[in-house]
Amino acid sequence: MVKIRDADAEARMYKNVFVCMKCNAKTKGKTKLNLKCRKCGAKAMRLAKKAVKKA
């Protein structure tokens, strides 16, 4: 049975969520500019990838 996700819930989970490339900490922010990791202070951030589940 496949679980259907709400579009609003997906937006909360993946929109504007960035992941630190050094320590994998997640943080929310409008843009990658002037965004800094809360744990290690690094500026190397990437967008969070949407999890794909195989049936």
PDB file of N, CA and C in Angstrom:
ATOM      1  N   MET A   1       0.838  -1.176   0.000  1.00  0.00           N
ATOM      2  CA  MET A   1       0.000   0.000   0.000  1.00  0.00           C
ATOM      3  C   MET A   1       0.886   1.244   0.000  1.00  0.00           C
ATOM      4  N   VAL A   2       0.618   2.137  -0.922  1.00  0.00           N
ATOM      5  CA  VAL A   2       1.411   3.351  -1.061  1.00  0.00           C
ATOM      6  C   VAL A   2       0.729   4.487  -0.304  1.00  0.00           C
ATOM      7  N   LYS A   3       1.506   5.195   0.491  1.00  0.00           N
ATOM      8  CA  LYS A   3       0.980   6.304   1.268  1.00  0.00           C
ATOM      9  C   LYS A   3       1.077   7.590   0.455  1.00  0.00           C
ATOM     10  N   ILE A   4      -0.017   8.300   0.329  1.00  0.00           N
ATOM     11  CA  ILE A   4      -0.047   9.549  -0.428  1.00  0.00           C
ATOM     12  C   ILE A   4       0.274  10.703   0.518  1.00  0.00           C
ATOM     13  N   ARG A   5       1.232  11.522   0.117  1.00  0.00           N
ATOM     14  CA  ARG A   5       1.620  12.666   0.945  1.00  0.00           C
ATOM     15  C   ARG A   5       0.897  13.916   0.494  1.00  0.00           C
ATOM     16  N   ASP A   6       0.620  14.741   1.443  1.00  0.00           N
ATOM     17  CA  ASP A   6      -0.017  16.017   1.174  1.00  0.00           C
ATOM     18  C   ASP A   6       1.016  16.974   0.582  1.00  0.00           C
ATOM     19  N   ALA A   7       0.611  17.789  -0.371  1.00  0.00           N
ATOM     20  CA  ALA A   7       1.532  18.733  -1.007  1.00  0.00           C
ATOM     21  C   ALA A   7       2.073  19.746  -0.001  1.00  0.00           C
ATOM     22  N   ASP A   8       1.238  20.152   0.959  1.00  0.00           N
ATOM     23  CA  ASP A   8       1.691  21.103   1.976  1.00  0.00           C
ATOM     24  C   ASP A   8       2.756  20.477   2.876  1.00  0.00           C
ATOM     25  N   ALA A   9       2.580  19.211   3.206  1.00  0.00           N
ATOM     26  CA  ALA A   9       3.558  18.524   4.050  1.00  0.00           C
ATOM     27  C   ALA A   9       4.887  18.383   3.320  1.00  0.00           C
ATOM     28  N   GLU A  10       4.854  18.083   2.022  1.00  0.00           N
ATOM     29  CA  GLU A  10       6.096  17.986   1.247  1.00  0.00           C
ATOM     30  C   GLU A  10       6.806  19.322   1.189  1.00  0.00           C
ATOM     31  N   ALA A  11       6.057  20.397   1.044  1.00  0.00           N
ATOM     32  CA  ALA A  11       6.661  21.734   1.000  1.00  0.00           C
ATOM     33  C   ALA A  11       7.362  22.049   2.318  1.00  0.00           C
ATOM     34  N   ARG A  12       6.744  21.672   3.448  1.00  0.00           N
ATOM     35  CA  ARG A  12       7.369  21.918   4.746  1.00  0.00           C
ATOM     36  C   ARG A  12       8.646  21.106   4.922  1.00  0.00           C
ATOM     37  N   MET A  13       8.656  19.889   4.399  1.00  0.00           N
ATOM     38  CA  MET A  13       9.797  19.001   4.604  1.00  0.00           C
ATOM     39  C   MET A  13      10.993  19.306   3.705  1.00  0.00           C
ATOM     40  N   TYR A  14      10.738  19.754   2.472  1.00  0.00           N
ATOM     41  CA  TYR A  14      11.828  19.866   1.503  1.00  0.00           C
ATOM     42  C   TYR A  14      12.056  21.249   0.922  1.00  0.00           C
ATOM     43  N   LYS A  15      11.107  22.169   1.029  1.00  0.00           N
ATOM     44  CA  LYS A  15      11.280  23.483   0.433  1.00  0.00           C
ATOM     45  C   LYS A  15      12.128  24.359   1.351  1.00  0.00           C
ATOM     46  N   ASN A  16      13.158  24.966   0.807  1.00  0.00           N
ATOM     47  CA  ASN A  16      14.076  25.857   1.527  1.00  0.00           C
ATOM     48  C   ASN A  16      14.796  25.162   2.681  1.00  0.00           C
ATOM     49  N   VAL A  17      15.034  23.868   2.569  1.00  0.00           N
ATOM     50  CA  VAL A  17      15.794  23.130   3.574  1.00  0.00           C
ATOM     51  C   VAL A  17      17.166  22.848   2.985  1.00  0.00           C
ATOM     52  N   PHE A  18      18.193  23.252   3.704  1.00  0.00           N
ATOM     53  CA  PHE A  18      19.560  23.063   3.251  1.00  0.00           C
ATOM     54  C   PHE A  18      20.288  22.119   4.189  1.00  0.00           C
ATOM     55  N   VAL A  19      21.255  21.368   3.633  1.00  0.00           N
ATOM     56  CA  VAL A  19      22.035  20.399   4.397  1.00  0.00           C
ATOM     57  C   VAL A  19      23.502  20.783   4.295  1.00  0.00           C
ATOM     58  N   CYS A  20      24.187  20.778   5.425  1.00  0.00           N
ATOM     59  CA  CYS A  20      25.612  21.075   5.452  1.00  0.00           C
ATOM     60  C   CYS A  20      26.369  19.920   4.811  1.00  0.00           C
ATOM     61  N   MET A  21      27.315  20.234   3.945  1.00  0.00           N
ATOM     62  CA  MET A  21      28.076  19.184   3.262  1.00  0.00           C
ATOM     63  C   MET A  21      29.203  18.637   4.126  1.00  0.00           C
ATOM     64  N   LYS A  22      29.480  19.256   5.261  1.00  0.00           N
ATOM     65  CA  LYS A  22      30.530  18.756   6.154  1.00  0.00           C
ATOM     66  C   LYS A  22      29.963  17.887   7.276  1.00  0.00           C
ATOM     67  N   CYS A  23      28.876  18.351   7.923  1.00  0.00           N
ATOM     68  CA  CYS A  23      28.367  17.610   9.082  1.00  0.00           C
ATOM     69  C   CYS A  23      26.929  17.115   8.908  1.00  0.00           C
ATOM     70  N   ASN A  24      26.311  17.341   7.755  1.00  0.00           N
ATOM     71  CA  ASN A  24      24.955  16.879   7.424  1.00  0.00           C
ATOM     72  C   ASN A  24      23.857  17.451   8.317  1.00  0.00           C
ATOM     73  N   ALA A  25      24.085  18.599   8.933  1.00  0.00           N
ATOM     74  CA  ALA A  25      23.041  19.243   9.730  1.00  0.00           C
ATOM     75  C   ALA A  25      22.048  19.922   8.794  1.00  0.00           C
ATOM     76  N   LYS A  26      20.763  19.842   9.127  1.00  0.00           N
ATOM     77  CA  LYS A  26      19.726  20.468   8.312  1.00  0.00           C
ATOM     78  C   LYS A  26      19.342  21.812   8.909  1.00  0.00           C
ATOM     79  N   THR A  27      19.071  22.787   8.029  1.00  0.00           N
ATOM     80  CA  THR A  27      18.616  24.098   8.461  1.00  0.00           C
ATOM     81  C   THR A  27      17.710  24.683   7.391  1.00  0.00           C
ATOM     82  N   LYS A  28      16.762  25.513   7.799  1.00  0.00           N
ATOM     83  CA  LYS A  28      15.867  26.174   6.857  1.00  0.00           C
ATOM     84  C   LYS A  28      16.370  27.582   6.599  1.00  0.00           C
ATOM     85  N   GLY A  29      16.222  28.024   5.349  1.00  0.00           N
ATOM     86  CA  GLY A  29      16.621  29.371   4.990  1.00  0.00           C
ATOM     87  C   GLY A  29      16.024  29.738   3.650  1.00  0.00           C
ATOM     88  N   LYS A  30      15.894  31.029   3.411  1.00  0.00           N
ATOM     89  CA  LYS A  30      15.298  31.488   2.155  1.00  0.00           C
ATOM     90  C   LYS A  30      16.213  31.191   0.965  1.00  0.00           C
ATOM     91  N   THR A  31      17.496  31.564   1.088  1.00  0.00           N
ATOM     92  CA  THR A  31      18.449  31.327   0.017  1.00  0.00           C
ATOM     93  C   THR A  31      19.752  30.794   0.606  1.00  0.00           C
ATOM     94  N   LYS A  32      20.607  30.315  -0.275  1.00  0.00           N
ATOM     95  CA  LYS A  32      21.892  29.788   0.163  1.00  0.00           C
ATOM     96  C   LYS A  32      22.873  30.908   0.518  1.00  0.00           C
ATOM     97  N   LEU A  33      22.604  32.116   0.052  1.00  0.00           N
ATOM     98  CA  LEU A  33      23.470  33.248   0.350  1.00  0.00           C
ATOM     99  C   LEU A  33      23.381  33.593   1.827  1.00  0.00           C
ATOM    100  N   ASN A  34      24.506  33.847   2.435  1.00  0.00           N
ATOM    101  CA  ASN A  34      24.615  34.221   3.857  1.00  0.00           C
ATOM    102  C   ASN A  34      24.047  33.151   4.792  1.00  0.00           C
ATOM    103  N   LEU A  35      24.046  31.893   4.342  1.00  0.00           N
ATOM    104  CA  LEU A  35      23.567  30.807   5.185  1.00  0.00           C
ATOM    105  C   LEU A  35      24.768  30.050   5.719  1.00  0.00           C
ATOM    106  N   LYS A  36      24.768  29.809   7.008  1.00  0.00           N
ATOM    107  CA  LYS A  36      25.903  29.196   7.674  1.00  0.00           C
ATOM    108  C   LYS A  36      25.396  28.059   8.548  1.00  0.00           C
ATOM    109  N   CYS A  37      26.174  26.991   8.654  1.00  0.00           N
ATOM    110  CA  CYS A  37      25.788  25.826   9.443  1.00  0.00           C
ATOM    111  C   CYS A  37      25.707  26.189  10.922  1.00  0.00           C
ATOM    112  N   ARG A  38      24.666  25.697  11.588  1.00  0.00           N
ATOM    113  CA  ARG A  38      24.472  25.990  13.009  1.00  0.00           C
ATOM    114  C   ARG A  38      25.392  25.163  13.891  1.00  0.00           C
ATOM    115  N   LYS A  39      25.908  24.029  13.372  1.00  0.00           N
ATOM    116  CA  LYS A  39      26.751  23.159  14.191  1.00  0.00           C
ATOM    117  C   LYS A  39      28.240  23.425  13.990  1.00  0.00           C
ATOM    118  N   CYS A  40      28.678  23.487  12.710  1.00  0.00           N
ATOM    119  CA  CYS A  40      30.120  23.601  12.465  1.00  0.00           C
ATOM    120  C   CYS A  40      30.538  24.946  11.879  1.00  0.00           C
ATOM    121  N   GLY A  41      29.588  25.780  11.469  1.00  0.00           N
ATOM    122  CA  GLY A  41      29.922  27.098  10.960  1.00  0.00           C
ATOM    123  C   GLY A  41      30.340  27.136   9.500  1.00  0.00           C
ATOM    124  N   ALA A  42      30.243  26.009   8.792  1.00  0.00           N
ATOM    125  CA  ALA A  42      30.640  25.955   7.387  1.00  0.00           C
ATOM    126  C   ALA A  42      29.613  26.661   6.514  1.00  0.00           C
ATOM    127  N   LYS A  43      30.058  27.146   5.367  1.00  0.00           N
ATOM    128  CA  LYS A  43      29.158  27.802   4.424  1.00  0.00           C
ATOM    129  C   LYS A  43      28.840  26.915   3.224  1.00  0.00           C
ATOM    130  N   ALA A  44      29.359  25.693   3.208  1.00  0.00           N
ATOM    131  CA  ALA A  44      29.107  24.752   2.116  1.00  0.00           C
ATOM    132  C   ALA A  44      27.775  24.047   2.383  1.00  0.00           C
ATOM    133  N   MET A  45      26.713  24.523   1.723  1.00  0.00           N
ATOM    134  CA  MET A  45      25.378  23.976   1.923  1.00  0.00           C
ATOM    135  C   MET A  45      24.830  23.474   0.592  1.00  0.00           C
ATOM    136  N   ARG A  46      23.920  22.506   0.661  1.00  0.00           N
ATOM    137  CA  ARG A  46      23.222  22.014  -0.521  1.00  0.00           C
ATOM    138  C   ARG A  46      21.756  21.850  -0.160  1.00  0.00           C
ATOM    139  N   LEU A  47      20.895  21.792  -1.190  1.00  0.00           N
ATOM    140  CA  LEU A  47      19.485  21.573  -0.952  1.00  0.00           C
ATOM    141  C   LEU A  47      19.235  20.149  -0.493  1.00  0.00           C
ATOM    142  N   ALA A  48      18.253  19.947   0.374  1.00  0.00           N
ATOM    143  CA  ALA A  48      17.897  18.614   0.835  1.00  0.00           C
ATOM    144  C   ALA A  48      17.243  17.864  -0.312  1.00  0.00           C
ATOM    145  N   LYS A  49      17.612  16.602  -0.472  1.00  0.00           N
ATOM    146  CA  LYS A  49      17.042  15.784  -1.536  1.00  0.00           C
ATOM    147  C   LYS A  49      15.771  15.123  -1.044  1.00  0.00           C
ATOM    148  N   LYS A  50      14.822  15.015  -1.949  1.00  0.00           N
ATOM    149  CA  LYS A  50      13.562  14.381  -1.620  1.00  0.00           C
ATOM    150  C   LYS A  50      13.758  12.880  -1.583  1.00  0.00           C
ATOM    151  N   ALA A  51      13.329  12.238  -0.504  1.00  0.00           N
ATOM    152  CA  ALA A  51      13.494  10.799  -0.343  1.00  0.00           C
ATOM    153  C   ALA A  51      12.598  10.055  -1.313  1.00  0.00           C
ATOM    154  N   VAL A  52      13.153   9.092  -2.029  1.00  0.00           N
ATOM    155  CA  VAL A  52      12.395   8.290  -2.972  1.00  0.00           C
ATOM    156  C   VAL A  52      12.265   6.894  -2.400  1.00  0.00           C
ATOM    157  N   LYS A  53      11.035   6.433  -2.252  1.00  0.00           N
ATOM    158  CA  LYS A  53      10.782   5.098  -1.729  1.00  0.00           C
ATOM    159  C   LYS A  53      10.416   4.159  -2.856  1.00  0.00           C
ATOM    160  N   LYS A  54      11.066   3.011  -2.891  1.00  0.00           N
ATOM    161  CA  LYS A  54      10.742   2.012  -3.920  1.00  0.00           C
ATOM    162  C   LYS A  54       9.684   1.076  -3.394  1.00  0.00           C
ATOM    163  N   ALA A  55       8.750   0.758  -4.267  1.00  0.00           N
ATOM    164  CA  ALA A  55       7.645  -0.127  -3.847  1.00  0.00           C
ATOM    165  C   ALA A  55       7.988  -1.581  -4.079  1.00  0.00           C
TER     166      ALA A  55
END
